[in-house]
C-alpha atoms as a PDB file:
ATOM      1  CA  MET A   1     -79.955   2.836  -8.493  1.00  0.00           C
ATOM      2  CA  HIS A   2     -75.743   3.114  -8.397  1.00  0.00           C
ATOM      3  CA  ASP A   3     -73.837   1.659 -10.798  1.00  0.00           C
ATOM      4  CA  PRO A   4     -70.253   0.189  -9.435  1.00  0.00           C
ATOM      5  CA  HIS A   5     -68.958   1.227 -12.911  1.00  0.00           C
ATOM      6  CA  ASP A   6     -69.896   4.206 -12.898  1.00  0.00           C
ATOM      7  CA  SER A   7     -67.771   5.394  -9.952  1.00  0.00           C
ATOM      8  CA  LEU A   8     -64.338   3.311 -11.812  1.00  0.00           C
ATOM      9  CA  GLU A   9     -64.782   5.418 -14.974  1.00  0.00           C
ATOM     10  CA  SER A  10     -65.407   8.606 -12.802  1.00  0.00           C
ATOM     11  CA  ASN A  11     -62.014   7.695 -10.678  1.00  0.00           C
ATOM     12  CA  PRO A  12     -59.619   5.779 -12.626  1.00  0.00           C
ATOM     13  CA  ASP A  13     -57.004   6.198  -9.901  1.00  0.00           C
ATOM     14  CA  ASN A  14     -59.541   3.037  -8.592  1.00  0.00           C
ATOM     15  CA  ASN A  15     -59.246   1.571 -11.981  1.00  0.00           C
ATOM     16  CA  PRO A  16     -56.410  -1.318 -11.780  1.00  0.00           C
ATOM     17  CA  ASP A  17     -56.756  -1.569 -15.964  1.00  0.00           C
ATOM     18  CA  THR A  18     -55.320   1.871 -15.829  1.00  0.00           C
ATOM     19  CA  THR A  19     -52.905   2.081 -12.873  1.00  0.00           C
ATOM     20  CA  ASP A  20     -49.360   3.385 -13.750  1.00  0.00           C
ATOM     21  CA  PHE A  21     -46.688   0.755 -13.020  1.00  0.00           C
ATOM     22  CA  SER A  22     -43.809   2.577 -14.988  1.00  0.00           C
ATOM     23  CA  THR A  23     -42.811   4.595 -11.303  1.00  0.00           C
ATOM     24  CA  PRO A  24     -42.185   2.201  -8.662  1.00  0.00           C
ATOM     25  CA  PRO A  25     -42.986   3.286  -5.695  1.00  0.00           C
ATOM     26  CA  ASP A  26     -40.695   5.423  -3.095  1.00  0.00           C
ATOM     27  CA  PRO A  27     -38.816   2.714  -0.794  1.00  0.00           C
ATOM     28  CA  SER A  28     -40.271   2.972   3.244  1.00  0.00           C
ATOM     29  CA  PRO A  29     -37.504   3.572   5.804  1.00  0.00           C
ATOM     30  CA  GLU A  30     -37.965  -0.343   6.622  1.00  0.00           C
ATOM     31  CA  MET A  31     -36.773  -0.922   3.113  1.00  0.00           C
ATOM     32  CA  SER A  32     -33.789   1.312   2.416  1.00  0.00           C
ATOM     33  CA  ASN A  33     -30.224   0.432   3.119  1.00  0.00           C
ATOM     34  CA  TRP A  34     -26.884   1.969   2.836  1.00  0.00           C
ATOM     35  CA  VAL A  35     -26.521   1.518  -0.711  1.00  0.00           C
ATOM     36  CA  ASP A  36     -29.607   2.923  -1.196  1.00  0.00           C
ATOM     37  CA  GLU A  37     -28.699   5.843   0.577  1.00  0.00           C
ATOM     38  CA  ALA A  38     -25.186   6.334  -1.369  1.00  0.00           C
ATOM     39  CA  LEU A  39     -26.948   6.121  -4.521  1.00  0.00           C
ATOM     40  CA  SER A  40     -29.608   8.405  -3.523  1.00  0.00           C
ATOM     41  CA  ASN A  41     -27.058  11.372  -3.078  1.00  0.00           C
ATOM     42  CA  PRO A  42     -24.401  11.530  -5.974  1.00  0.00           C
ATOM     43  CA  VAL A  43     -21.720  13.670  -6.291  1.00  0.00           C
ATOM     44  CA  ASN A  44     -21.794  15.449  -9.404  1.00  0.00           C
ATOM     45  CA  SER A  45     -19.142  17.946  -9.694  1.00  0.00           C
ATOM     46  CA  SER A  46     -15.418  16.397  -9.772  1.00  0.00           C
ATOM     47  CA  ALA A  47     -14.866  19.578  -7.459  1.00  0.00           C
ATOM     48  CA  THR A  48     -17.183  18.418  -4.945  1.00  0.00           C
ATOM     49  CA  ALA A  49     -15.987  14.886  -5.053  1.00  0.00           C
ATOM     50  CA  ASP A  50     -12.303  16.074  -4.302  1.00  0.00           C
ATOM     51  CA  LYS A  51     -13.842  17.536  -1.284  1.00  0.00           C
ATOM     52  CA  VAL A  52     -15.266  14.234  -0.149  1.00  0.00           C
ATOM     53  CA  THR A  53     -13.116  12.421   2.313  1.00  0.00           C
ATOM     54  CA  PHE A  54     -12.809   8.806   3.285  1.00  0.00           C
ATOM     55  CA  GLY A  55     -13.951   9.428   6.409  1.00  0.00           C
ATOM     56  CA  SER A  56     -17.334  11.126   5.655  1.00  0.00           C
ATOM     57  CA  ARG A  57     -18.141   8.166   3.061  1.00  0.00           C
ATOM     58  CA  ILE A  58     -18.071   5.662   5.645  1.00  0.00           C
ATOM     59  CA  SER A  59     -19.764   7.828   8.267  1.00  0.00           C
ATOM     60  CA  ARG A  60     -23.066   6.212   7.361  1.00  0.00           C
ATOM     61  CA  LEU A  61     -21.963   2.610   7.740  1.00  0.00           C
ATOM     62  CA  SER A  62     -23.222   0.382  10.824  1.00  0.00           C
ATOM     63  CA  PRO A  63     -20.349  -0.642  12.959  1.00  0.00           C
ATOM     64  CA  GLU A  64     -21.335  -4.174  11.272  1.00  0.00           C
ATOM     65  CA  GLN A  65     -20.949  -3.128   7.933  1.00  0.00           C
ATOM     66  CA  LEU A  66     -17.304  -1.138   8.872  1.00  0.00           C
ATOM     67  CA  THR A  67     -15.870  -4.511   9.998  1.00  0.00           C
ATOM     68  CA  THR A  68     -17.115  -6.165   6.944  1.00  0.00           C
ATOM     69  CA  LEU A  69     -15.362  -3.384   4.692  1.00  0.00           C
ATOM     70  CA  ALA A  70     -12.372  -3.510   6.821  1.00  0.00           C
ATOM     71  CA  THR A  71     -12.075  -7.011   6.463  1.00  0.00           C
ATOM     72  CA  VAL A  72     -12.578  -7.531   2.895  1.00  0.00           C
ATOM     73  CA  GLU A  73     -10.002  -4.568   2.125  1.00  0.00           C
ATOM     74  CA  THR A  74      -7.546  -5.747   4.563  1.00  0.00           C
ATOM     75  CA  ALA A  75      -7.733  -8.980   2.788  1.00  0.00           C
ATOM     76  CA  PHE A  76      -7.602  -7.812  -0.849  1.00  0.00           C
ATOM     77  CA  LEU A  77      -4.708  -5.189  -0.098  1.00  0.00           C
ATOM     78  CA  ALA A  78      -2.914  -8.427   1.601  1.00  0.00           C
ATOM     79  CA  SER A  79      -3.380 -10.377  -1.441  1.00  0.00           C
ATOM     80  CA  THR A  80      -2.300  -7.842  -3.847  1.00  0.00           C
ATOM     81  CA  ALA A  81       1.061  -7.338  -1.512  1.00  0.00           C
ATOM     82  CA  SER A  82       1.681 -10.865  -2.022  1.00  0.00           C
ATOM     83  CA  LEU A  83       0.640 -10.821  -5.960  1.00  0.00           C
ATOM     84  CA  LEU A  84       3.280  -8.534  -6.092  1.00  0.00           C
ATOM     85  CA  TRP A  85       5.783 -10.157  -4.507  1.00  0.00           C
ATOM     86  CA  VAL A  86       5.112 -13.483  -6.864  1.00  0.00           C
ATOM     87  CA  MET A  87       5.083 -11.152 -10.054  1.00  0.00           C
ATOM     88  CA  ASP A  88       8.792  -9.993  -9.163  1.00  0.00           C
ATOM     89  CA  TYR A  89       9.632 -13.312  -8.290  1.00  0.00           C
ATOM     90  CA  TYR A  90       8.891 -15.181 -11.514  1.00  0.00           C
ATOM     91  CA  PHE A  91       8.918 -12.199 -13.856  1.00  0.00           C
ATOM     92  CA  PRO A  92      11.790  -9.894 -12.095  1.00  0.00           C
ATOM     93  CA  THR A  93      11.511  -6.282 -13.579  1.00  0.00           C
ATOM     94  CA  GLY A  94      14.244  -4.901 -11.452  1.00  0.00           C
ATOM     95  CA  PRO A  95      13.288  -2.019  -9.131  1.00  0.00           C
ATOM     96  CA  VAL A  96       9.743  -1.519 -10.816  1.00  0.00           C
ATOM     97  CA  LEU A  97       7.590  -3.616  -8.572  1.00  0.00           C
ATOM     98  CA  ARG A  98       9.880  -3.785  -5.895  1.00  0.00           C
ATOM     99  CA  VAL A  99       8.903  -0.337  -5.054  1.00  0.00           C
ATOM    100  CA  PHE A 100       5.139  -0.953  -4.885  1.00  0.00           C
ATOM    101  CA  PHE A 101       5.945  -3.833  -1.875  1.00  0.00           C
ATOM    102  CA  PRO A 102       5.325  -1.436   1.198  1.00  0.00           C
ATOM    103  CA  LEU A 103       2.533   0.333  -0.443  1.00  0.00           C
ATOM    104  CA  PRO A 104      -0.465  -2.051   0.410  1.00  0.00           C
ATOM    105  CA  ILE A 105       0.150  -2.271   3.669  1.00  0.00           C
ATOM    106  CA  ALA A 106       0.534   1.434   4.217  1.00  0.00           C
ATOM    107  CA  LEU A 107      -2.583   1.781   2.592  1.00  0.00           C
ATOM    108  CA  VAL A 108      -4.226  -0.432   4.940  1.00  0.00           C
ATOM    109  CA  TYR A 109      -2.905   1.396   8.003  1.00  0.00           C
ATOM    110  CA  LEU A 110      -4.022   4.931   6.412  1.00  0.00           C
ATOM    111  CA  ARG A 111      -7.388   3.476   6.373  1.00  0.00           C
ATOM    112  CA  TRP A 112      -8.185   1.028   8.891  1.00  0.00           C
ATOM    113  CA  GLY A 113      -5.376   1.587  11.545  1.00  0.00           C
ATOM    114  CA  ALA A 114      -2.392  -0.363  12.893  1.00  0.00           C
ATOM    115  CA  ARG A 115      -4.370  -3.701  13.877  1.00  0.00           C
ATOM    116  CA  SER A 116      -5.491  -3.996  10.389  1.00  0.00           C
ATOM    117  CA  ALA A 117      -2.305  -3.064   9.150  1.00  0.00           C
ATOM    118  CA  TRP A 118      -0.410  -5.576  10.948  1.00  0.00           C
ATOM    119  CA  MET A 119      -3.046  -8.519  10.180  1.00  0.00           C
ATOM    120  CA  ALA A 120      -2.360  -7.517   6.133  1.00  0.00           C
ATOM    121  CA  ALA A 121       1.152  -8.004   6.769  1.00  0.00           C
ATOM    122  CA  LEU A 122       0.611 -11.218   8.530  1.00  0.00           C
ATOM    123  CA  VAL A 123      -1.579 -12.752   5.925  1.00  0.00           C
ATOM    124  CA  SER A 124       0.680 -11.281   2.925  1.00  0.00           C
ATOM    125  CA  ALA A 125       3.428 -13.584   5.167  1.00  0.00           C
ATOM    126  CA  LEU A 126       1.159 -16.518   5.247  1.00  0.00           C
ATOM    127  CA  LEU A 127       0.289 -16.642   1.583  1.00  0.00           C
ATOM    128  CA  LEU A 128       3.590 -16.037   0.378  1.00  0.00           C
ATOM    129  CA  SER A 129       4.326 -18.850   2.894  1.00  0.00           C
ATOM    130  CA  VAL A 130       1.805 -21.078   1.463  1.00  0.00           C
ATOM    131  CA  LEU A 131       2.872 -20.640  -2.608  1.00  0.00           C
ATOM    132  CA  MET A 132       6.281 -20.189  -2.231  1.00  0.00           C
ATOM    133  CA  GLY A 133       7.556 -21.666   1.078  1.00  0.00           C
ATOM    134  CA  PRO A 134       7.931 -20.129   4.702  1.00  0.00           C
ATOM    135  CA  THR A 135      11.571 -18.917   3.948  1.00  0.00           C
ATOM    136  CA  ARG A 136       9.601 -16.049   1.190  1.00  0.00           C
ATOM    137  CA  GLY A 137       7.158 -14.773   3.870  1.00  0.00           C
ATOM    138  CA  ILE A 138       9.925 -14.087   5.994  1.00  0.00           C
ATOM    139  CA  PHE A 139      11.691 -11.975   3.162  1.00  0.00           C
ATOM    140  CA  TYR A 140       8.454  -9.906   2.591  1.00  0.00           C
ATOM    141  CA  THR A 141       7.665  -9.534   5.930  1.00  0.00           C
ATOM    142  CA  ILE A 142      11.280  -8.166   6.754  1.00  0.00           C
ATOM    143  CA  PRO A 143      11.743  -5.603   5.650  1.00  0.00           C
ATOM    144  CA  PHE A 144       8.916  -4.923   3.360  1.00  0.00           C
ATOM    145  CA  GLY A 145       5.623  -5.600   5.554  1.00  0.00           C
ATOM    146  CA  VAL A 146       7.071  -4.356   8.569  1.00  0.00           C
ATOM    147  CA  MET A 147       8.085  -1.054   6.149  1.00  0.00           C
ATOM    148  CA  GLY A 148       4.469  -0.664   5.039  1.00  0.00           C
ATOM    149  CA  VAL A 149       3.288  -0.593   8.758  1.00  0.00           C
ATOM    150  CA  GLN A 150       5.840   2.275   9.757  1.00  0.00           C
ATOM    151  CA  LEU A 151       5.325   4.379   6.755  1.00  0.00           C
ATOM    152  CA  GLY A 152       1.470   4.099   7.313  1.00  0.00           C
ATOM    153  CA  ALA A 153       1.614   5.128  11.246  1.00  0.00           C
ATOM    154  CA  LEU A 154       4.383   8.044  10.307  1.00  0.00           C
ATOM    155  CA  TRP A 155       2.233   9.204   7.187  1.00  0.00           C
ATOM    156  CA  ARG A 156      -1.095   9.181   8.946  1.00  0.00           C
ATOM    157  CA  ARG A 157       0.857  11.088  12.185  1.00  0.00           C
ATOM    158  CA  GLY A 158       2.089  13.662   9.173  1.00  0.00           C
ATOM    159  CA  ALA A 159       5.668  13.107  10.105  1.00  0.00           C
ATOM    160  CA  SER A 160       7.980  14.989   7.558  1.00  0.00           C
ATOM    161  CA  TRP A 161       9.489  13.055   4.849  1.00  0.00           C
ATOM    162  CA  GLY A 162      12.698  13.106   6.909  1.00  0.00           C
ATOM    163  CA  TRP A 163      11.449  11.093   9.557  1.00  0.00           C
ATOM    164  CA  SER A 164       9.692   8.513   7.498  1.00  0.00           C
ATOM    165  CA  ILE A 165      12.647   8.138   4.908  1.00  0.00           C
ATOM    166  CA  LEU A 166      14.803   7.690   7.759  1.00  0.00           C
ATOM    167  CA  PHE A 167      13.341   5.265   9.603  1.00  0.00           C
ATOM    168  CA  GLY A 168      12.421   3.330   6.274  1.00  0.00           C
ATOM    169  CA  ALA A 169      15.835   3.467   5.354  1.00  0.00           C
ATOM    170  CA  MET A 170      16.758   2.153   8.636  1.00  0.00           C
ATOM    171  CA  ILE A 171      14.398  -1.221   8.151  1.00  0.00           C
ATOM    172  CA  SER A 172      15.553  -1.427   4.670  1.00  0.00           C
ATOM    173  CA  ALA A 173      19.149  -1.647   5.656  1.00  0.00           C
ATOM    174  CA  PHE A 174      18.406  -4.372   8.798  1.00  0.00           C
ATOM    175  CA  GLY A 175      16.113  -6.155   6.379  1.00  0.00           C
ATOM    176  CA  PHE A 176      19.309  -6.421   3.886  1.00  0.00           C
ATOM    177  CA  PHE A 177      21.538  -7.872   6.761  1.00  0.00           C
ATOM    178  CA  PHE A 178      18.974 -10.126   8.395  1.00  0.00           C
ATOM    179  CA  ARG A 179      18.338 -11.814   4.438  1.00  0.00           C
ATOM    180  CA  PHE A 180      22.298 -12.417   4.520  1.00  0.00           C
ATOM    181  CA  TRP A 181      22.293 -14.066   8.046  1.00  0.00           C
ATOM    182  CA  LEU A 182      18.939 -16.139   7.333  1.00  0.00           C
ATOM    183  CA  LEU A 183      20.702 -17.411   3.739  1.00  0.00           C
ATOM    184  CA  SER A 184      24.298 -18.032   5.442  1.00  0.00           C
ATOM    185  CA  LEU A 185      22.430 -20.056   8.268  1.00  0.00           C
ATOM    186  CA  MET A 186      20.246 -22.184   5.876  1.00  0.00           C
ATOM    187  CA  MET A 187      23.152 -22.721   3.608  1.00  0.00           C
ATOM    188  CA  GLY A 188      25.846 -23.178   6.080  1.00  0.00           C
ATOM    189  CA  GLU A 189      28.176 -20.657   4.429  1.00  0.00           C
ATOM    190  CA  ASP A 190      28.842 -16.917   5.187  1.00  0.00           C
ATOM    191  CA  LEU A 191      27.245 -15.343   2.303  1.00  0.00           C
ATOM    192  CA  LEU A 192      28.495 -11.839   3.583  1.00  0.00           C
ATOM    193  CA  SER A 193      32.172 -12.933   3.728  1.00  0.00           C
ATOM    194  CA  LEU A 194      31.694 -13.553  -0.141  1.00  0.00           C
ATOM    195  CA  VAL A 195      30.292 -10.284  -0.361  1.00  0.00           C
ATOM    196  CA  ILE A 196      33.346  -8.431   1.151  1.00  0.00           C
ATOM    197  CA  ALA A 197      35.316 -10.334  -0.856  1.00  0.00           C
ATOM    198  CA  GLN A 198      33.686  -9.029  -4.253  1.00  0.00           C
ATOM    199  CA  ILE A 199      33.818  -5.725  -2.822  1.00  0.00           C
ATOM    200  CA  THR A 200      37.867  -5.958  -1.895  1.00  0.00           C
ATOM    201  CA  GLU A 201      38.349  -6.927  -5.373  1.00  0.00           C
ATOM    202  CA  PHE A 202      36.377  -3.932  -7.185  1.00  0.00           C
ATOM    203  CA  LEU A 203      38.326  -1.553  -4.815  1.00  0.00           C
ATOM    204  CA  GLN A 204      41.722  -3.150  -5.714  1.00  0.00           C
ATOM    205  CA  TRP A 205      40.470  -2.545  -8.988  1.00  0.00           C
ATOM    206  CA  LEU A 206      39.405   1.096  -8.532  1.00  0.00           C
ATOM    207  CA  PHE A 207      42.740   1.792  -6.554  1.00  0.00           C
ATOM    208  CA  LEU A 208      44.667   0.363 -10.084  1.00  0.00           C
ATOM    209  CA  ARG A 209      42.921   2.898 -12.024  1.00  0.00           C
ATOM    210  CA  PHE A 210      43.786   5.970 -10.128  1.00  0.00           C
ATOM    211  CA  GLY A 211      47.190   4.876  -9.762  1.00  0.00           C
ATOM    212  CA  TRP A 212      47.203   3.248  -5.990  1.00  0.00           C
ATOM    213  CA  TRP A 213      49.618   0.776  -5.519  1.00  0.00           C
ATOM    214  CA  GLN A 214      47.953  -0.348  -2.348  1.00  0.00           C
ATOM    215  CA  VAL A 215      45.998  -3.150  -1.185  1.00  0.00           C
ATOM    216  CA  PRO A 216      42.357  -1.664   0.506  1.00  0.00           C
ATOM    217  CA  GLU A 217      42.457  -2.343   4.211  1.00  0.00           C
ATOM    218  CA  VAL A 218      39.444  -4.119   5.930  1.00  0.00           C
ATOM    219  CA  TRP A 219      38.146  -1.296   7.714  1.00  0.00           C
ATOM    220  CA  MET A 220      37.770   0.836   4.334  1.00  0.00           C
ATOM    221  CA  VAL A 221      35.960  -2.425   2.718  1.00  0.00           C
ATOM    222  CA  GLN A 222      33.638  -2.639   5.575  1.00  0.00           C
ATOM    223  CA  SER A 223      32.893   1.261   5.578  1.00  0.00           C
ATOM    224  CA  PHE A 224      32.239   0.771   1.652  1.00  0.00           C
ATOM    225  CA  ALA A 225      30.028  -1.874   1.805  1.00  0.00           C
ATOM    226  CA  LEU A 226      28.015  -0.175   4.642  1.00  0.00           C
ATOM    227  CA  VAL A 227      27.861   2.966   2.929  1.00  0.00           C
ATOM    228  CA  SER A 228      26.866   1.351  -0.277  1.00  0.00           C
ATOM    229  CA  ILE A 229      23.911  -0.617   1.832  1.00  0.00           C
ATOM    230  CA  VAL A 230      22.809   2.623   3.553  1.00  0.00           C
ATOM    231  CA  PHE A 231      22.758   4.623   0.490  1.00  0.00           C
ATOM    232  CA  ASN A 232      21.081   2.205  -1.537  1.00  0.00           C
ATOM    233  CA  SER A 233      18.432   2.120   1.241  1.00  0.00           C
ATOM    234  CA  PHE A 234      17.986   5.539   0.947  1.00  0.00           C
ATOM    235  CA  VAL A 235      17.278   5.588  -2.557  1.00  0.00           C
ATOM    236  CA  TYR A 236      14.818   3.005  -2.135  1.00  0.00           C
ATOM    237  CA  VAL A 237      12.885   4.392   0.185  1.00  0.00           C
ATOM    238  CA  PHE A 238      12.798   7.833  -1.820  1.00  0.00           C
ATOM    239  CA  VAL A 239      11.860   6.505  -4.646  1.00  0.00           C
ATOM    240  CA  VAL A 240       8.855   4.493  -2.734  1.00  0.00           C
ATOM    241  CA  HIS A 241       7.697   7.915  -1.268  1.00  0.00           C
ATOM    242  CA  ILE A 242       7.279   9.354  -4.421  1.00  0.00           C
ATOM    243  CA  VAL A 243       5.343   6.743  -5.901  1.00  0.00           C
ATOM    244  CA  SER A 244       3.172   6.425  -2.986  1.00  0.00           C
ATOM    245  CA  MET A 245       2.403  10.000  -2.875  1.00  0.00           C
ATOM    246  CA  VAL A 246       1.441   9.959  -6.698  1.00  0.00           C
ATOM    247  CA  THR A 247      -0.378   6.680  -6.164  1.00  0.00           C
ATOM    248  CA  LEU A 248      -2.418   7.637  -3.327  1.00  0.00           C
ATOM    249  CA  ASP A 249      -3.284  11.226  -4.353  1.00  0.00           C
ATOM    250  CA  ARG A 250      -5.247   9.394  -7.021  1.00  0.00           C
ATOM    251  CA  LEU A 251      -7.071   7.587  -4.605  1.00  0.00           C
ATOM    252  CA  LYS A 252      -8.075  10.843  -3.302  1.00  0.00           C
ATOM    253  CA  ILE A 253      -5.631   9.566  -0.207  1.00  0.00           C
ATOM    254  CA  SER A 254      -3.478  12.648   1.149  1.00  0.00           C
ATOM    255  CA  ILE A 255      -0.069  12.086   2.748  1.00  0.00           C
ATOM    256  CA  PRO A 256       2.492  14.582   3.594  1.00  0.00           C
ATOM    257  CA  ARG A 257       4.025  16.535   1.218  1.00  0.00           C
ATOM    258  CA  PRO A 258       7.350  16.584  -0.181  1.00  0.00           C
ATOM    259  CA  PRO A 259      10.085  19.083   0.527  1.00  0.00           C
ATOM    260  CA  LYS A 260      10.119  22.115  -1.524  1.00  0.00           C
ATOM    261  CA  TRP A 261      13.033  20.862  -3.829  1.00  0.00           C
ATOM    262  CA  VAL A 262      11.453  17.950  -4.383  1.00  0.00           C
ATOM    263  CA  ARG A 263       8.115  19.679  -5.903  1.00  0.00           C
ATOM    264  CA  VAL A 264      10.357  21.834  -7.757  1.00  0.00           C
ATOM    265  CA  LEU A 265      12.544  19.227  -9.387  1.00  0.00           C
ATOM    266  CA  LEU A 266       9.567  16.469 -10.332  1.00  0.00           C
ATOM    267  CA  ASP A 267       7.097  19.674 -11.183  1.00  0.00           C
ATOM    268  CA  TYR A 268       4.041  18.093  -8.938  1.00  0.00           C
ATOM    269  CA  ASP A 269       2.175  20.126  -6.383  1.00  0.00           C
END
């Protein structure tokens, strides 16, 4: 007569007491998800990691997952832009944080396009309006929010630094005059005339230092003020380009390369 215990001893795979549970079974296709697929294909070498672009990393995601990822990144970068503005307002550090103001919005454009970039700028303005009042939200949107969208659009299309700096400087200069106009409207006083008066006194002192015994004319004062504003705008946008290039290169996101003289000056390849 056949003993069932003999069959268990002869076939240890059927014995529940000897089954090896240390190695879990491979998940079935129905159980796997995009996280498992990403973890099952690790990138071991740094040289290979540099060649993996953002588009190839998300090519395996479904449309629903792409929408979720775009929404999360847009909200995160919008809050980052607002936080930079709040930190600079309460803990002023000069131009250190200001050069990062347009970068989060430009990063959204580079990753997700124009619609997400405008949404990020709008969300940043709404957050600042809630935290600090509507005026601060407007002051961030013009010029920094619009500048971030403009820089992201030109960088994504491969425009040269000359064009992106030119348009960025125009937006920055417009934002300066817009801020003075809005503050003058709110305070009921022409603040730009006060600035012109200060520039007139500076030019008078400068003329005396050079031995010129004359009063600067109105057109000279206005020209000096306009040139100063435009020059500062160009310098600011140029520094924004340098900081953005270094930061985005760390994130493996490529933007147009600077002119050769800039690379030689900074010793940056």
